[in-house]
Amino acid sequence: MGIESKVRSLCLTVATMAVAIATALAISSVAFAQSSTFEQPPIDYLNAPVNDPVAQLADRIKSGTTKLDFDNKQGYLLAVLKELDIPISSQTLVFSKTSLQLQRISPRRPRALYFNDDVYVGFCQNGDVLEFAATDPMQGAIFYTLDQSKTDRPEFVRDRGSCLTCHASTRTQNVPGYLVRSVFADGSGYPILGSGTYNTDHTSPMEQRWGGWYVTGTHGKTKHMGNVLYDKDDIRGNRELSGMGSNITSLDSLVSTSAYLSPHSDLVALMVLEHQTQMHNAIAAANYETRQALHQSFQMNELLERGEGYVSDSAQRRIDAVAENVVRHLLMSGEIRLSEPIAGTSDFAEQFEARGKLDIKGRSLRKLDLQNRVFKYPCSYLIDSPAFDSLPDHVRKRIYDRLVNVLVDGESSKDFDHLSSDDRQTVTDILKELKPEFAARL
């Protein structure tokens, strides 16, 4: 059986199991309705060429310019992390059965997730494949697998739609995208049916985070759902957290981490991940909606004999709406305030900050706070990403205009009342150096 056939068979088996679980977890059927829009022009999700980091690596392997070393314990994992520039310190461990190789996942054998700004890599002990989700500047989240069998020239296989069962719904802002889920997981790692599930981002209360995940770090008296196995009788009608999984700095008493690249499942990495995933989704949603709105408007121009390039009022309203959504995510609207300082256990925080571009005063959007909020300066570092820069002009310009309204003109609507005058000035100063298109509007 060839690689693609093996992966297709695996995906079909897992998809069948996932549908049953997804129904009980109330995963929206919007995934299927929405796919009919982005599988057609102008998006053409499944057929349009992509140029994400995994696609680029696949091309290098195919041409022979890159060779992946194989390890008998972890397969191609370490090699692909190196090629994709993904830090080992980003490792987080999830033991809930909520992803592709769920038969390989349990509290004793969690799935490891590694990430940088644009790529996410999933590793399971004795897994058939490595799992990848990569951000294409135009097409958003693209999903791949890599067979964990040793070969001279390993091949990445792009998913043809199975992953979209979970990764294209209201949880991902109705585009192919990313999500971090928190569930009440039982002793085997299965979500307890009917107990509820949380889609996690920077607005989520700490008490709703990390169910089904291992978490290493300190956070004072704040409670979360991580590091704990639940029983349906314990949680029925009682959502009071025990705090048993709090302030765990070593997983030795919970699970063996010898099969992984790191002994950590870093709390700070998890919080960055939760912001980043939905920020990516907001950017992709703006890209899709703008291209679709313009496409439909331009088609109507021909029918109504309007001038070439005319943008209808309805199309502009659609673009304004997704631009506003991006601005809210960029400026951390609704972000929870930390009641106590937090800290991770790995080098993730230091390595994450070291990747930042500094302004003339040594400030960076990747600077972490971890005392009152996650980031010191409330503007997402993903404003400086290929996905953001590739947004269609109509929506990208609108986003910059709105940033000027909020940061410079001092708009004080409820979405942005969390921004102090110092916040606005500092973010403005950083963006002036980081993004010339923003500076040109001042």
Protein backbone atom coordinates (compact mmCIF):
# COMPACT_ATOMS: atom_id res chain seq x y z
CA MET A 1 0.00 0.00 0.00
CA GLY A 2 1.46 3.38 -1.01
CA ILE A 3 1.98 6.32 1.35
CA GLU A 4 -1.03 8.25 0.08
CA SER A 5 -3.28 5.17 0.28
CA LYS A 6 -2.13 4.42 3.83
CA VAL A 7 -2.80 7.98 4.92
CA ARG A 8 -6.16 8.05 3.16
CA SER A 9 -7.15 4.83 4.91
CA LEU A 10 -6.02 6.22 8.26
CA CYS A 11 -7.90 9.47 7.70
CA LEU A 12 -11.12 7.66 6.77
CA THR A 13 -10.94 5.45 9.86
CA VAL A 14 -10.21 8.35 12.15
CA ALA A 15 -12.77 10.58 10.46
CA THR A 16 -15.48 8.00 11.10
CA MET A 17 -14.57 7.87 14.79
CA ALA A 18 -14.23 11.63 14.97
CA VAL A 19 -17.71 12.24 13.57
CA ALA A 20 -19.31 10.30 16.42
CA ILE A 21 -17.29 12.17 19.02
CA ALA A 22 -17.78 15.48 17.27
CA THR A 23 -21.54 15.10 17.29
CA ALA A 24 -21.58 14.62 21.04
CA LEU A 25 -19.23 17.55 21.49
CA ALA A 26 -21.56 19.73 19.41
CA ILE A 27 -19.00 20.52 16.74
CA SER A 28 -20.80 22.71 14.30
CA SER A 29 -21.99 21.31 11.00
CA VAL A 30 -21.03 24.68 9.53
CA ALA A 31 -17.78 22.97 8.48
CA PHE A 32 -19.57 21.22 5.65
CA ALA A 33 -21.65 24.21 4.62
CA GLN A 34 -18.68 26.54 4.56
CA SER A 35 -16.48 24.18 2.56
CA SER A 36 -18.71 24.68 -0.47
CA THR A 37 -17.72 28.35 -0.54
CA PHE A 38 -13.95 28.07 -0.14
CA GLU A 39 -13.61 25.05 -2.42
CA GLN A 40 -14.85 27.22 -5.30
CA PRO A 41 -13.29 30.28 -6.98
CA PRO A 42 -11.85 32.64 -6.00
CA ILE A 43 -10.42 30.60 -3.08
CA ASP A 44 -10.30 27.10 -4.63
CA TYR A 45 -8.83 25.76 -1.39
CA LEU A 46 -8.04 22.21 -2.52
CA ASN A 47 -6.54 23.07 -5.90
CA ALA A 48 -4.87 26.46 -5.76
CA PRO A 49 -1.05 26.31 -5.50
CA VAL A 50 0.39 26.88 -2.03
CA ASN A 51 3.73 28.18 -0.81
CA ASP A 52 3.67 27.52 2.92
CA PRO A 53 6.83 26.44 4.81
CA VAL A 54 5.95 22.73 4.62
CA ALA A 55 5.33 22.95 0.86
CA GLN A 56 8.70 24.65 0.51
CA LEU A 57 10.41 21.91 2.53
CA ALA A 58 8.68 19.26 0.40
CA ASP A 59 10.10 20.91 -2.72
CA ARG A 60 13.61 20.93 -1.26
CA ILE A 61 13.37 17.23 -0.41
CA LYS A 62 12.01 16.39 -3.85
CA SER A 63 14.82 18.29 -5.57
CA GLY A 64 17.44 16.59 -3.41
CA THR A 65 18.75 19.81 -1.86
CA THR A 66 17.51 18.73 1.60
CA LYS A 67 17.76 15.33 3.23
CA LEU A 68 15.88 14.42 6.42
CA ASP A 69 17.69 12.31 8.99
CA PHE A 70 15.66 9.47 10.50
CA ASP A 71 15.76 8.54 14.19
CA ASN A 72 14.59 5.11 15.31
CA LYS A 73 12.81 6.61 18.33
CA GLN A 74 11.10 9.70 16.94
CA GLY A 75 11.34 9.20 13.19
CA TYR A 76 11.67 12.43 11.24
CA LEU A 77 10.53 14.67 14.10
CA LEU A 78 13.82 16.29 15.07
CA ALA A 79 14.86 16.70 11.45
CA VAL A 80 11.69 18.52 10.40
CA LEU A 81 11.74 20.78 13.46
CA LYS A 82 15.26 21.81 12.51
CA GLU A 83 14.37 22.41 8.85
CA LEU A 84 11.24 24.39 9.76
CA ASP A 85 13.01 26.36 12.51
CA ILE A 86 10.61 25.23 15.23
CA PRO A 87 12.01 25.33 18.79
CA ILE A 88 11.86 22.21 20.93
CA SER A 89 10.93 24.49 23.83
CA SER A 90 7.53 25.04 22.19
CA GLN A 91 6.55 21.48 23.12
CA THR A 92 3.15 21.04 24.72
CA LEU A 93 1.57 17.67 25.53
CA VAL A 94 -2.10 16.87 24.99
CA PHE A 95 -3.62 13.60 26.19
CA SER A 96 -7.24 14.02 25.09
CA LYS A 97 -8.31 11.97 22.09
CA THR A 98 -9.23 14.96 19.96
CA SER A 99 -6.99 14.71 16.89
CA LEU A 100 -6.05 12.57 13.89
CA GLN A 101 -4.22 9.64 15.54
CA LEU A 102 -6.54 9.37 18.52
CA GLN A 103 -5.89 5.66 18.87
CA ARG A 104 -2.25 6.54 19.67
CA ILE A 105 -3.12 9.14 22.32
CA SER A 106 -3.79 8.58 26.03
CA PRO A 107 -2.79 10.09 29.38
CA ARG A 108 0.16 7.67 29.38
CA ARG A 109 1.14 8.55 25.82
CA PRO A 110 0.17 12.15 25.08
CA ARG A 111 0.54 13.77 21.69
CA ALA A 112 3.32 16.33 21.48
CA LEU A 113 2.73 19.60 19.64
CA TYR A 114 5.53 21.91 18.47
CA PHE A 115 5.08 25.26 16.75
CA ASN A 116 6.57 28.49 15.49
CA ASP A 117 4.78 31.49 13.98
CA ASP A 118 3.60 29.64 10.86
CA VAL A 119 3.78 25.86 11.38
CA TYR A 120 2.39 23.31 13.86
CA VAL A 121 3.78 19.76 14.13
CA GLY A 122 2.08 16.86 15.93
CA PHE A 123 3.98 13.77 17.12
CA CYS A 124 2.54 10.58 18.64
CA GLN A 125 4.54 7.75 20.16
CA ASN A 126 4.61 4.90 17.63
CA GLY A 127 2.53 7.07 15.34
CA ASP A 128 2.06 6.17 11.69
CA VAL A 129 2.65 9.75 10.60
CA LEU A 130 3.80 13.16 11.73
CA GLU A 131 1.01 15.73 11.43
CA PHE A 132 1.52 19.23 10.07
CA ALA A 133 -0.58 22.37 9.78
CA ALA A 134 1.13 25.22 7.96
CA THR A 135 0.03 28.77 7.22
CA ASP A 136 0.01 29.65 3.55
CA PRO A 137 0.04 33.44 3.02
CA MET A 138 -2.96 33.27 0.68
CA GLN A 139 -4.81 30.05 1.52
CA GLY A 140 -4.52 29.92 5.31
CA ALA A 141 -4.14 26.60 7.13
CA ILE A 142 -2.90 23.71 4.99
CA PHE A 143 -2.73 20.21 6.49
CA TYR A 144 -0.18 17.49 5.75
CA THR A 145 1.12 14.17 7.03
CA LEU A 146 4.58 12.61 6.73
CA ASP A 147 4.89 8.83 6.94
CA GLN A 148 7.10 7.75 9.84
CA SER A 149 8.75 4.96 7.82
CA LYS A 150 12.40 5.33 6.86
CA THR A 151 12.93 6.08 3.19
CA ASP A 152 15.49 7.86 1.05
CA ARG A 153 13.10 10.62 0.05
CA PRO A 154 10.11 11.02 2.41
CA GLU A 155 7.00 12.66 0.97
CA PHE A 156 4.54 15.06 2.56
CA VAL A 157 0.93 14.18 1.73
CA ARG A 158 -1.56 17.01 1.69
CA ASP A 159 -4.92 16.36 3.30
CA ARG A 160 -7.78 16.47 0.81
CA GLY A 161 -10.55 17.47 3.21
CA SER A 162 -10.71 14.99 6.09
CA CYS A 163 -9.06 17.43 8.52
CA LEU A 164 -11.69 20.05 7.71
CA THR A 165 -14.28 18.04 9.63
CA CYS A 166 -12.88 19.70 12.76
CA HIS A 167 -10.68 22.40 11.25
CA ALA A 168 -13.25 24.39 9.28
CA SER A 169 -16.14 25.45 11.50
CA THR A 170 -17.30 28.28 13.69
CA ARG A 171 -14.48 27.24 16.05
CA THR A 172 -11.97 28.27 13.37
CA GLN A 173 -13.90 31.36 12.26
CA ASN A 174 -15.46 29.43 9.36
CA VAL A 175 -12.24 28.96 7.39
CA PRO A 176 -9.67 26.14 7.32
CA GLY A 177 -7.85 26.97 10.50
CA TYR A 178 -6.54 26.10 13.93
CA LEU A 179 -8.08 25.51 17.31
CA VAL A 180 -7.00 24.70 20.85
CA ARG A 181 -9.69 22.74 22.64
CA SER A 182 -10.17 22.21 26.37
CA VAL A 183 -12.26 19.18 27.41
CA PHE A 184 -13.10 17.08 30.44
CA ALA A 185 -11.01 14.01 29.58
CA ASP A 186 -11.51 10.66 31.29
CA GLY A 187 -8.87 8.14 32.32
CA SER A 188 -8.43 6.96 28.74
CA GLY A 189 -8.29 10.46 27.29
CA TYR A 190 -11.78 10.45 25.77
CA PRO A 191 -13.78 13.66 26.20
CA ILE A 192 -16.64 12.96 28.62
CA LEU A 193 -19.71 13.19 26.43
CA GLY A 194 -22.13 15.89 27.42
CA SER A 195 -19.70 17.59 29.79
CA GLY A 196 -18.92 20.48 27.47
CA THR A 197 -15.87 21.70 25.60
CA TYR A 198 -14.13 25.05 25.35
CA ASN A 199 -12.49 26.66 22.35
CA THR A 200 -9.53 28.51 23.84
CA ASP A 201 -8.08 31.88 22.87
CA HIS A 202 -6.68 34.94 24.65
CA THR A 203 -10.12 35.82 26.03
CA SER A 204 -10.68 32.48 27.77
CA PRO A 205 -10.81 32.41 31.59
CA MET A 206 -7.98 30.39 33.08
CA GLU A 207 -10.55 28.11 34.72
CA GLN A 208 -11.65 26.90 31.25
CA ARG A 209 -8.21 26.18 29.87
CA TRP A 210 -6.12 23.06 29.27
CA GLY A 211 -8.56 20.27 29.97
CA GLY A 212 -6.89 17.24 28.39
CA TRP A 213 -3.45 18.86 28.41
CA TYR A 214 -0.41 18.53 30.60
CA VAL A 215 0.79 21.89 31.87
CA THR A 216 4.12 22.75 33.50
CA GLY A 217 4.42 26.15 35.11
CA THR A 218 3.40 28.30 38.04
CA HIS A 219 0.36 30.54 38.32
CA GLY A 220 -0.32 31.19 41.99
CA LYS A 221 -3.80 30.45 43.27
CA THR A 222 -5.36 30.54 39.80
CA LYS A 223 -6.93 27.20 38.84
CA HIS A 224 -7.13 25.52 35.45
CA MET A 225 -8.35 22.19 34.03
CA GLY A 226 -4.95 20.78 33.06
CA ASN A 227 -3.08 17.76 34.47
CA VAL A 228 -6.31 16.18 35.73
CA LEU A 229 -8.37 13.17 34.65
CA TYR A 230 -12.10 13.56 35.20
CA ASP A 231 -14.93 11.17 36.01
CA LYS A 232 -18.40 11.83 34.63
CA ASP A 233 -19.98 11.40 38.06
CA ASP A 234 -17.58 13.94 39.56
CA ILE A 235 -18.30 16.68 37.06
CA ARG A 236 -22.02 16.16 36.55
CA GLY A 237 -23.56 19.35 37.88
CA ASN A 238 -20.29 20.30 39.56
CA ARG A 239 -17.71 22.36 37.67
CA GLU A 240 -15.73 23.46 40.74
CA LEU A 241 -12.06 22.84 39.97
CA SER A 242 -10.04 21.08 42.63
CA GLY A 243 -6.74 22.72 41.79
CA MET A 244 -5.06 19.30 41.87
CA GLY A 245 -3.21 20.05 38.62
CA SER A 246 -2.03 23.50 39.63
CA ASN A 247 1.56 24.74 39.74
CA ILE A 248 3.08 21.53 38.39
CA THR A 249 6.73 22.11 37.50
CA SER A 250 7.61 18.49 36.69
CA LEU A 251 5.50 15.82 35.01
CA ASP A 252 7.43 12.94 36.56
CA SER A 253 4.58 11.97 38.88
CA LEU A 254 2.01 12.10 36.07
CA VAL A 255 3.59 10.68 32.92
CA SER A 256 6.93 9.53 31.54
CA THR A 257 8.35 12.10 29.12
CA SER A 258 11.38 10.02 28.07
CA ALA A 259 9.89 9.42 24.60
CA TYR A 260 9.71 13.15 23.85
CA LEU A 261 12.25 15.82 22.98
CA SER A 262 11.56 17.75 26.19
CA PRO A 263 10.19 17.01 29.67
CA HIS A 264 8.03 20.16 29.54
CA SER A 265 4.53 21.16 28.48
CA ASP A 266 5.16 24.83 29.00
CA LEU A 267 2.36 27.06 30.33
CA VAL A 268 3.64 30.16 28.52
CA ALA A 269 3.93 28.25 25.24
CA LEU A 270 0.29 27.20 25.66
CA MET A 271 -0.88 30.77 26.20
CA VAL A 272 1.02 32.03 23.17
CA LEU A 273 -0.38 29.14 21.14
CA GLU A 274 -3.93 30.02 22.15
CA HIS A 275 -3.55 33.61 21.00
CA GLN A 276 -1.72 32.72 17.82
CA THR A 277 -4.16 30.12 16.51
CA GLN A 278 -7.18 32.41 16.53
CA MET A 279 -5.13 35.37 15.29
CA HIS A 280 -4.18 33.27 12.27
CA ASN A 281 -7.83 32.37 11.77
CA ALA A 282 -8.89 36.01 11.87
CA ILE A 283 -6.33 36.91 9.21
CA ALA A 284 -7.37 33.99 6.99
CA ALA A 285 -11.05 34.85 7.43
CA ALA A 286 -10.34 38.43 6.33
CA ASN A 287 -8.44 37.15 3.31
CA TYR A 288 -11.18 34.76 2.25
CA GLU A 289 -14.10 37.10 2.83
CA THR A 290 -12.44 40.00 1.02
CA ARG A 291 -11.55 37.92 -2.03
CA GLN A 292 -15.05 36.47 -2.14
CA ALA A 293 -16.73 39.85 -1.68
CA LEU A 294 -14.65 41.46 -4.43
CA HIS A 295 -15.16 38.49 -6.75
CA GLN A 296 -18.92 38.70 -6.40
CA SER A 297 -18.92 42.48 -6.69
CA PHE A 298 -16.86 42.39 -9.88
CA GLN A 299 -19.17 39.75 -11.36
CA MET A 300 -22.10 42.06 -10.69
CA ASN A 301 -20.23 44.93 -12.34
CA GLU A 302 -20.37 43.04 -15.64
CA LEU A 303 -24.05 42.28 -15.28
CA LEU A 304 -24.95 45.83 -14.26
CA GLU A 305 -22.48 47.47 -16.65
CA ARG A 306 -20.72 49.24 -13.80
CA GLY A 307 -17.17 50.50 -14.06
CA GLU A 308 -14.34 47.99 -13.78
CA GLY A 309 -13.09 47.72 -10.20
CA TYR A 310 -16.21 49.20 -8.63
CA VAL A 311 -16.75 47.84 -5.11
CA SER A 312 -20.38 47.67 -4.07
CA ASP A 313 -21.59 48.93 -0.71
CA SER A 314 -22.47 45.40 0.41
CA ALA A 315 -18.98 44.16 -0.47
CA GLN A 316 -17.42 47.06 1.41
CA ARG A 317 -19.51 46.30 4.49
CA ARG A 318 -18.29 42.70 4.39
CA ILE A 319 -14.69 43.87 4.14
CA ASP A 320 -15.16 46.37 6.97
CA ALA A 321 -16.56 43.64 9.21
CA VAL A 322 -13.62 41.25 8.77
CA ALA A 323 -11.15 44.12 9.07
CA GLU A 324 -12.69 45.02 12.40
CA ASN A 325 -12.37 41.41 13.54
CA VAL A 326 -8.66 41.43 12.70
CA VAL A 327 -8.13 44.70 14.57
CA ARG A 328 -9.87 43.33 17.66
CA HIS A 329 -7.61 40.29 17.62
CA LEU A 330 -4.48 42.33 16.90
CA LEU A 331 -5.13 44.66 19.83
CA MET A 332 -6.06 41.83 22.22
CA SER A 333 -9.65 42.94 22.69
CA GLY A 334 -11.25 40.99 25.54
CA GLU A 335 -7.96 39.56 26.79
CA ILE A 336 -8.19 38.23 30.32
CA ARG A 337 -6.16 39.93 33.02
CA LEU A 338 -3.90 37.67 35.01
CA SER A 339 -4.82 37.63 38.68
CA GLU A 340 -1.32 36.42 39.57
CA PRO A 341 2.03 36.19 37.74
CA ILE A 342 2.66 33.14 35.57
CA ALA A 343 5.86 31.38 34.50
CA GLY A 344 6.76 28.40 32.35
CA THR A 345 9.38 25.75 33.00
CA SER A 346 11.31 25.66 29.71
CA ASP A 347 13.32 28.17 27.70
CA PHE A 348 10.30 28.98 25.55
CA ALA A 349 9.72 32.51 26.85
CA GLU A 350 13.34 33.55 26.30
CA GLN A 351 13.50 31.98 22.85
CA PHE A 352 10.17 33.48 21.81
CA GLU A 353 11.26 36.98 22.83
CA ALA A 354 14.65 36.59 21.13
CA ARG A 355 12.92 36.30 17.76
CA GLY A 356 11.44 39.79 18.04
CA LYS A 357 12.36 42.79 15.90
CA LEU A 358 13.42 45.62 18.22
CA ASP A 359 12.54 49.25 17.70
CA ILE A 360 14.97 52.07 18.39
CA LYS A 361 14.16 51.85 22.11
CA GLY A 362 14.67 48.08 22.24
CA ARG A 363 10.96 47.24 22.37
CA SER A 364 9.31 44.34 20.53
CA LEU A 365 5.79 43.00 20.06
CA ARG A 366 7.15 39.64 21.21
CA LYS A 367 8.04 41.00 24.63
CA LEU A 368 6.16 39.07 27.30
CA ASP A 369 4.67 40.54 30.45
CA LEU A 370 3.35 37.49 32.38
CA GLN A 371 2.44 39.64 35.39
CA ASN A 372 -0.87 41.22 34.41
CA ARG A 373 -1.26 39.93 30.86
CA VAL A 374 0.63 37.68 28.47
CA PHE A 375 2.22 40.31 26.20
CA LYS A 376 3.78 43.52 27.42
CA TYR A 377 2.53 45.52 24.46
CA PRO A 378 -1.06 44.76 23.38
CA CYS A 379 -0.60 44.23 19.66
CA SER A 380 -0.06 40.82 18.08
CA TYR A 381 3.37 40.00 16.65
CA LEU A 382 1.53 38.35 13.73
CA ILE A 383 0.97 41.79 12.24
CA ASP A 384 4.50 41.20 10.98
CA SER A 385 3.83 37.93 9.16
CA PRO A 386 3.56 36.80 5.54
CA ALA A 387 -0.14 36.05 6.04
CA PHE A 388 -0.89 39.59 7.20
CA ASP A 389 1.24 41.22 4.51
CA SER A 390 -0.52 39.10 1.86
CA LEU A 391 -3.99 40.33 2.77
CA PRO A 392 -5.76 41.94 -0.21
CA ASP A 393 -5.14 45.67 -0.38
CA HIS A 394 -8.79 46.53 0.27
CA VAL A 395 -8.84 44.90 3.71
CA ARG A 396 -5.23 45.48 4.73
CA LYS A 397 -5.57 49.23 4.15
CA ARG A 398 -8.81 49.26 6.11
CA ILE A 399 -7.07 47.50 9.01
CA TYR A 400 -4.32 50.11 9.04
CA ASP A 401 -6.89 52.92 8.94
CA ARG A 402 -8.69 51.41 11.92
CA LEU A 403 -5.42 51.01 13.82
CA VAL A 404 -4.81 54.72 13.34
CA ASN A 405 -8.35 55.47 14.56
CA VAL A 406 -7.79 53.47 17.73
CA LEU A 407 -4.14 54.08 18.53
CA VAL A 408 -3.63 57.63 17.34
CA ASP A 409 -7.07 59.22 17.30
CA GLY A 410 -7.89 57.60 20.64
CA GLU A 411 -11.14 55.82 19.82
CA SER A 412 -12.61 54.67 23.14
CA SER A 413 -15.19 52.06 22.19
CA LYS A 414 -15.72 49.08 24.50
CA ASP A 415 -13.57 46.85 22.28
CA PHE A 416 -10.54 49.02 22.97
CA ASP A 417 -11.10 50.55 26.38
CA HIS A 418 -8.50 48.15 27.78
CA LEU A 419 -5.80 50.18 26.02
CA SER A 420 -4.20 52.86 28.16
CA SER A 421 -2.78 56.01 26.62
CA ASP A 422 0.70 54.60 27.20
CA ASP A 423 -0.29 51.36 25.45
CA ARG A 424 -1.55 53.26 22.43
CA GLN A 425 1.53 55.42 22.20
CA THR A 426 3.97 52.54 22.61
CA VAL A 427 2.24 50.33 20.04
CA THR A 428 2.09 53.27 17.65
CA ASP A 429 5.81 53.88 18.04
CA ILE A 430 6.66 50.21 17.45
CA LEU A 431 4.39 49.93 14.41
CA LYS A 432 5.84 53.08 12.88
CA GLU A 433 9.20 51.33 12.63
CA LEU A 434 7.90 47.84 11.97
CA LYS A 435 5.26 48.55 9.31
CA PRO A 436 5.98 51.37 6.82
CA GLU A 437 2.43 51.15 5.47
CA PHE A 438 1.14 52.08 8.91
CA ALA A 439 3.68 54.89 9.31
CA ALA A 440 2.60 56.37 5.97
CA ARG A 441 -0.86 57.00 7.41
CA LEU A 442 0.34 59.14 10.31
